Amino acid sequence: MATNKRVFTLRLSDEVFDKIGILATKEHRSMTNYIEYVLIQHLEQVEKEKGRIDTGQSQ
């Protein structure tokens, strides 16, 4: 099934890349999935504290 997701590149130092890899492994996730999970969790936390972020798109 096709997904409608945008893709972008992250420029990370080797140390940060390695740390993310370690955390992803501990959570039994791929690095990509872990980064996505962390970003979504952060967005939810910010919106809980500061209100919905309006992107101009209907949901």
PDB file of N, CA and C in Angstrom:
ATOM      1  N   MET A   1       0.850  -1.179   0.000  1.00  0.00           N
ATOM      2  CA  MET A   1       0.000   0.000   0.000  1.00  0.00           C
ATOM      3  C   MET A   1       0.892   1.238   0.000  1.00  0.00           C
ATOM      4  N   ALA A   2       0.616   2.141  -0.897  1.00  0.00           N
ATOM      5  CA  ALA A   2       1.413   3.361  -1.007  1.00  0.00           C
ATOM      6  C   ALA A   2       1.072   4.322   0.128  1.00  0.00           C
ATOM      7  N   THR A   3       2.066   5.065   0.547  1.00  0.00           N
ATOM      8  CA  THR A   3       1.844   6.081   1.570  1.00  0.00           C
ATOM      9  C   THR A   3       2.119   7.454   0.981  1.00  0.00           C
ATOM     10  N   ASN A   4       1.515   8.444   1.564  1.00  0.00           N
ATOM     11  CA  ASN A   4       1.704   9.815   1.111  1.00  0.00           C
ATOM     12  C   ASN A   4       2.568  10.532   2.148  1.00  0.00           C
ATOM     13  N   LYS A   5       3.840  10.246   2.143  1.00  0.00           N
ATOM     14  CA  LYS A   5       4.753  10.839   3.114  1.00  0.00           C
ATOM     15  C   LYS A   5       5.893  11.527   2.389  1.00  0.00           C
ATOM     16  N   ARG A   6       6.310  12.658   2.915  1.00  0.00           N
ATOM     17  CA  ARG A   6       7.466  13.357   2.374  1.00  0.00           C
ATOM     18  C   ARG A   6       8.735  12.764   2.975  1.00  0.00           C
ATOM     19  N   VAL A   7       9.808  12.873   2.244  1.00  0.00           N
ATOM     20  CA  VAL A   7      11.091  12.341   2.683  1.00  0.00           C
ATOM     21  C   VAL A   7      12.093  13.483   2.693  1.00  0.00           C
ATOM     22  N   PHE A   8      12.952  13.503   3.703  1.00  0.00           N
ATOM     23  CA  PHE A   8      14.006  14.506   3.753  1.00  0.00           C
ATOM     24  C   PHE A   8      15.259  13.898   4.338  1.00  0.00           C
ATOM     25  N   THR A   9      16.365  14.583   4.134  1.00  0.00           N
ATOM     26  CA  THR A   9      17.656  14.101   4.602  1.00  0.00           C
ATOM     27  C   THR A   9      18.046  14.834   5.872  1.00  0.00           C
ATOM     28  N   LEU A  10      18.599  14.100   6.811  1.00  0.00           N
ATOM     29  CA  LEU A  10      19.149  14.697   8.027  1.00  0.00           C
ATOM     30  C   LEU A  10      20.659  14.672   7.936  1.00  0.00           C
ATOM     31  N   ARG A  11      21.285  15.767   8.304  1.00  0.00           N
ATOM     32  CA  ARG A  11      22.744  15.805   8.369  1.00  0.00           C
ATOM     33  C   ARG A  11      23.125  15.694   9.837  1.00  0.00           C
ATOM     34  N   LEU A  12      23.646  14.557  10.203  1.00  0.00           N
ATOM     35  CA  LEU A  12      23.977  14.273  11.593  1.00  0.00           C
ATOM     36  C   LEU A  12      25.442  13.883  11.707  1.00  0.00           C
ATOM     37  N   SER A  13      26.039  14.261  12.813  1.00  0.00           N
ATOM     38  CA  SER A  13      27.401  13.802  13.065  1.00  0.00           C
ATOM     39  C   SER A  13      27.358  12.299  13.317  1.00  0.00           C
ATOM     40  N   ASP A  14      28.495  11.660  13.160  1.00  0.00           N
ATOM     41  CA  ASP A  14      28.574  10.219  13.420  1.00  0.00           C
ATOM     42  C   ASP A  14      28.151   9.897  14.848  1.00  0.00           C
ATOM     43  N   GLU A  15      28.545  10.747  15.790  1.00  0.00           N
ATOM     44  CA  GLU A  15      28.208  10.497  17.197  1.00  0.00           C
ATOM     45  C   GLU A  15      26.698  10.523  17.419  1.00  0.00           C
ATOM     46  N   VAL A  16      26.023  11.522  16.870  1.00  0.00           N
ATOM     47  CA  VAL A  16      24.566  11.613  17.022  1.00  0.00           C
ATOM     48  C   VAL A  16      23.896  10.438  16.316  1.00  0.00           C
ATOM     49  N   PHE A  17      24.358  10.118  15.113  1.00  0.00           N
ATOM     50  CA  PHE A  17      23.823   8.986  14.360  1.00  0.00           C
ATOM     51  C   PHE A  17      23.940   7.699  15.177  1.00  0.00           C
ATOM     52  N   ASP A  18      25.109   7.480  15.755  1.00  0.00           N
ATOM     53  CA  ASP A  18      25.338   6.274  16.561  1.00  0.00           C
ATOM     54  C   ASP A  18      24.444   6.239  17.800  1.00  0.00           C
ATOM     55  N   LYS A  19      24.270   7.392  18.448  1.00  0.00           N
ATOM     56  CA  LYS A  19      23.414   7.444  19.645  1.00  0.00           C
ATOM     57  C   LYS A  19      21.967   7.131  19.286  1.00  0.00           C
ATOM     58  N   ILE A  20      21.480   7.679  18.180  1.00  0.00           N
ATOM     59  CA  ILE A  20      20.119   7.386  17.741  1.00  0.00           C
ATOM     60  C   ILE A  20      19.983   5.899  17.433  1.00  0.00           C
ATOM     61  N   GLY A  21      21.001   5.324  16.806  1.00  0.00           N
ATOM     62  CA  GLY A  21      20.985   3.895  16.511  1.00  0.00           C
ATOM     63  C   GLY A  21      20.887   3.047  17.765  1.00  0.00           C
ATOM     64  N   ILE A  22      21.601   3.428  18.792  1.00  0.00           N
ATOM     65  CA  ILE A  22      21.560   2.692  20.065  1.00  0.00           C
ATOM     66  C   ILE A  22      20.167   2.780  20.679  1.00  0.00           C
ATOM     67  N   LEU A  23      19.588   3.987  20.708  1.00  0.00           N
ATOM     68  CA  LEU A  23      18.246   4.156  21.276  1.00  0.00           C
ATOM     69  C   LEU A  23      17.206   3.405  20.459  1.00  0.00           C
ATOM     70  N   ALA A  24      17.325   3.453  19.135  1.00  0.00           N
ATOM     71  CA  ALA A  24      16.381   2.737  18.274  1.00  0.00           C
ATOM     72  C   ALA A  24      16.444   1.235  18.536  1.00  0.00           C
ATOM     73  N   THR A  25      17.638   0.718  18.668  1.00  0.00           N
ATOM     74  CA  THR A  25      17.805  -0.708  18.934  1.00  0.00           C
ATOM     75  C   THR A  25      17.164  -1.096  20.262  1.00  0.00           C
ATOM     76  N   LYS A  26      17.350  -0.267  21.282  1.00  0.00           N
ATOM     77  CA  LYS A  26      16.743  -0.544  22.592  1.00  0.00           C
ATOM     78  C   LYS A  26      15.223  -0.561  22.519  1.00  0.00           C
ATOM     79  N   GLU A  27      14.654   0.231  21.611  1.00  0.00           N
ATOM     80  CA  GLU A  27      13.196   0.289  21.438  1.00  0.00           C
ATOM     81  C   GLU A  27      12.700  -0.713  20.389  1.00  0.00           C
ATOM     82  N   HIS A  28      13.620  -1.514  19.835  1.00  0.00           N
ATOM     83  CA  HIS A  28      13.286  -2.501  18.800  1.00  0.00           C
ATOM     84  C   HIS A  28      12.632  -1.834  17.585  1.00  0.00           C
ATOM     85  N   ARG A  29      13.214  -0.709  17.162  1.00  0.00           N
ATOM     86  CA  ARG A  29      12.711   0.037  16.017  1.00  0.00           C
ATOM     87  C   ARG A  29      13.855   0.270  15.034  1.00  0.00           C
ATOM     88  N   SER A  30      13.493   0.515  13.784  1.00  0.00           N
ATOM     89  CA  SER A  30      14.509   0.949  12.831  1.00  0.00           C
ATOM     90  C   SER A  30      14.861   2.397  13.184  1.00  0.00           C
ATOM     91  N   MET A  31      15.986   2.860  12.692  1.00  0.00           N
ATOM     92  CA  MET A  31      16.362   4.260  12.966  1.00  0.00           C
ATOM     93  C   MET A  31      15.340   5.217  12.391  1.00  0.00           C
ATOM     94  N   THR A  32      14.898   4.960  11.167  1.00  0.00           N
ATOM     95  CA  THR A  32      13.911   5.836  10.540  1.00  0.00           C
ATOM     96  C   THR A  32      12.627   5.866  11.355  1.00  0.00           C
ATOM     97  N   ASN A  33      12.154   4.712  11.754  1.00  0.00           N
ATOM     98  CA  ASN A  33      10.931   4.632  12.545  1.00  0.00           C
ATOM     99  C   ASN A  33      11.108   5.315  13.888  1.00  0.00           C
ATOM    100  N   TYR A  34      12.268   5.158  14.510  1.00  0.00           N
ATOM    101  CA  TYR A  34      12.518   5.780  15.803  1.00  0.00           C
ATOM    102  C   TYR A  34      12.538   7.306  15.696  1.00  0.00           C
ATOM    103  N   ILE A  35      13.203   7.825  14.671  1.00  0.00           N
ATOM    104  CA  ILE A  35      13.255   9.283  14.477  1.00  0.00           C
ATOM    105  C   ILE A  35      11.843   9.818  14.246  1.00  0.00           C
ATOM    106  N   GLU A  36      11.069   9.131  13.419  1.00  0.00           N
ATOM    107  CA  GLU A  36       9.678   9.538  13.176  1.00  0.00           C
ATOM    108  C   GLU A  36       8.884   9.529  14.474  1.00  0.00           C
ATOM    109  N   TYR A  37       9.024   8.477  15.270  1.00  0.00           N
ATOM    110  CA  TYR A  37       8.331   8.342  16.549  1.00  0.00           C
ATOM    111  C   TYR A  37       8.687   9.493  17.495  1.00  0.00           C
ATOM    112  N   VAL A  38       9.972   9.794  17.600  1.00  0.00           N
ATOM    113  CA  VAL A  38      10.425  10.854  18.503  1.00  0.00           C
ATOM    114  C   VAL A  38       9.870  12.213  18.060  1.00  0.00           C
ATOM    115  N   LEU A  39       9.896  12.486  16.764  1.00  0.00           N
ATOM    116  CA  LEU A  39       9.379  13.754  16.265  1.00  0.00           C
ATOM    117  C   LEU A  39       7.880  13.890  16.506  1.00  0.00           C
ATOM    118  N   ILE A  40       7.141  12.826  16.271  1.00  0.00           N
ATOM    119  CA  ILE A  40       5.696  12.872  16.510  1.00  0.00           C
ATOM    120  C   ILE A  40       5.400  13.074  17.986  1.00  0.00           C
ATOM    121  N   GLN A  41       6.134  12.376  18.854  1.00  0.00           N
ATOM    122  CA  GLN A  41       5.949  12.556  20.303  1.00  0.00           C
ATOM    123  C   GLN A  41       6.230  14.002  20.710  1.00  0.00           C
ATOM    124  N   HIS A  42       7.277  14.584  20.151  1.00  0.00           N
ATOM    125  CA  HIS A  42       7.632  15.970  20.478  1.00  0.00           C
ATOM    126  C   HIS A  42       6.530  16.928  20.005  1.00  0.00           C
ATOM    127  N   LEU A  43       6.037  16.734  18.789  1.00  0.00           N
ATOM    128  CA  LEU A  43       4.948  17.584  18.298  1.00  0.00           C
ATOM    129  C   LEU A  43       3.720  17.490  19.188  1.00  0.00           C
ATOM    130  N   GLU A  44       3.369  16.290  19.614  1.00  0.00           N
ATOM    131  CA  GLU A  44       2.225  16.109  20.509  1.00  0.00           C
ATOM    132  C   GLU A  44       2.446  16.839  21.830  1.00  0.00           C
ATOM    133  N   GLN A  45       3.661  16.776  22.367  1.00  0.00           N
ATOM    134  CA  GLN A  45       3.977  17.452  23.626  1.00  0.00           C
ATOM    135  C   GLN A  45       3.870  18.972  23.467  1.00  0.00           C
ATOM    136  N   VAL A  46       4.420  19.506  22.395  1.00  0.00           N
ATOM    137  CA  VAL A  46       4.360  20.953  22.153  1.00  0.00           C
ATOM    138  C   VAL A  46       2.917  21.400  21.997  1.00  0.00           C
ATOM    139  N   GLU A  47       2.122  20.657  21.235  1.00  0.00           N
ATOM    140  CA  GLU A  47       0.723  21.044  21.042  1.00  0.00           C
ATOM    141  C   GLU A  47      -0.074  20.927  22.334  1.00  0.00           C
ATOM    142  N   LYS A  48       0.275  19.986  23.177  1.00  0.00           N
ATOM    143  CA  LYS A  48      -0.404  19.853  24.472  1.00  0.00           C
ATOM    144  C   LYS A  48      -0.107  21.070  25.345  1.00  0.00           C
ATOM    145  N   GLU A  49       1.127  21.543  25.300  1.00  0.00           N
ATOM    146  CA  GLU A  49       1.543  22.672  26.133  1.00  0.00           C
ATOM    147  C   GLU A  49       1.145  24.026  25.546  1.00  0.00           C
ATOM    148  N   LYS A  50       1.213  24.156  24.208  1.00  0.00           N
ATOM    149  CA  LYS A  50       1.054  25.473  23.591  1.00  0.00           C
ATOM    150  C   LYS A  50      -0.128  25.585  22.641  1.00  0.00           C
ATOM    151  N   GLY A  51      -0.847  24.495  22.436  1.00  0.00           N
ATOM    152  CA  GLY A  51      -1.989  24.513  21.530  1.00  0.00           C
ATOM    153  C   GLY A  51      -1.615  23.990  20.153  1.00  0.00           C
ATOM    154  N   ARG A  52      -2.667  23.749  19.409  1.00  0.00           N
ATOM    155  CA  ARG A  52      -2.510  23.155  18.079  1.00  0.00           C
ATOM    156  C   ARG A  52      -1.660  24.041  17.176  1.00  0.00           C
ATOM    157  N   ILE A  53      -0.815  23.399  16.393  1.00  0.00           N
ATOM    158  CA  ILE A  53       0.004  24.093  15.398  1.00  0.00           C
ATOM    159  C   ILE A  53      -0.797  24.098  14.100  1.00  0.00           C
ATOM    160  N   ASP A  54      -1.193  25.274  13.648  1.00  0.00           N
ATOM    161  CA  ASP A  54      -2.013  25.388  12.443  1.00  0.00           C
ATOM    162  C   ASP A  54      -1.123  25.391  11.209  1.00  0.00           C
ATOM    163  N   THR A  55      -1.282  24.360  10.391  1.00  0.00           N
ATOM    164  CA  THR A  55      -0.494  24.241   9.159  1.00  0.00           C
ATOM    165  C   THR A  55      -1.257  24.784   7.960  1.00  0.00           C
ATOM    166  N   GLY A  56      -2.505  25.177   8.168  1.00  0.00           N
ATOM    167  CA  GLY A  56      -3.308  25.669   7.064  1.00  0.00           C
ATOM    168  C   GLY A  56      -3.961  24.558   6.258  1.00  0.00           C
ATOM    169  N   GLN A  57      -3.764  23.333   6.678  1.00  0.00           N
ATOM    170  CA  GLN A  57      -4.359  22.174   5.993  1.00  0.00           C
ATOM    171  C   GLN A  57      -5.456  21.616   6.876  1.00  0.00           C
ATOM    172  N   SER A  58      -6.561  21.234   6.276  1.00  0.00           N
ATOM    173  CA  SER A  58      -7.633  20.633   7.060  1.00  0.00           C
ATOM    174  C   SER A  58      -7.265  19.195   7.406  1.00  0.00           C
ATOM    175  N   GLN A  59      -7.730  18.719   8.547  1.00  0.00           N
ATOM    176  CA  GLN A  59      -7.413  17.355   8.969  1.00  0.00           C
ATOM    177  C   GLN A  59      -8.650  16.537   9.129  1.00  0.00           C
TER     178      GLN A  59
END
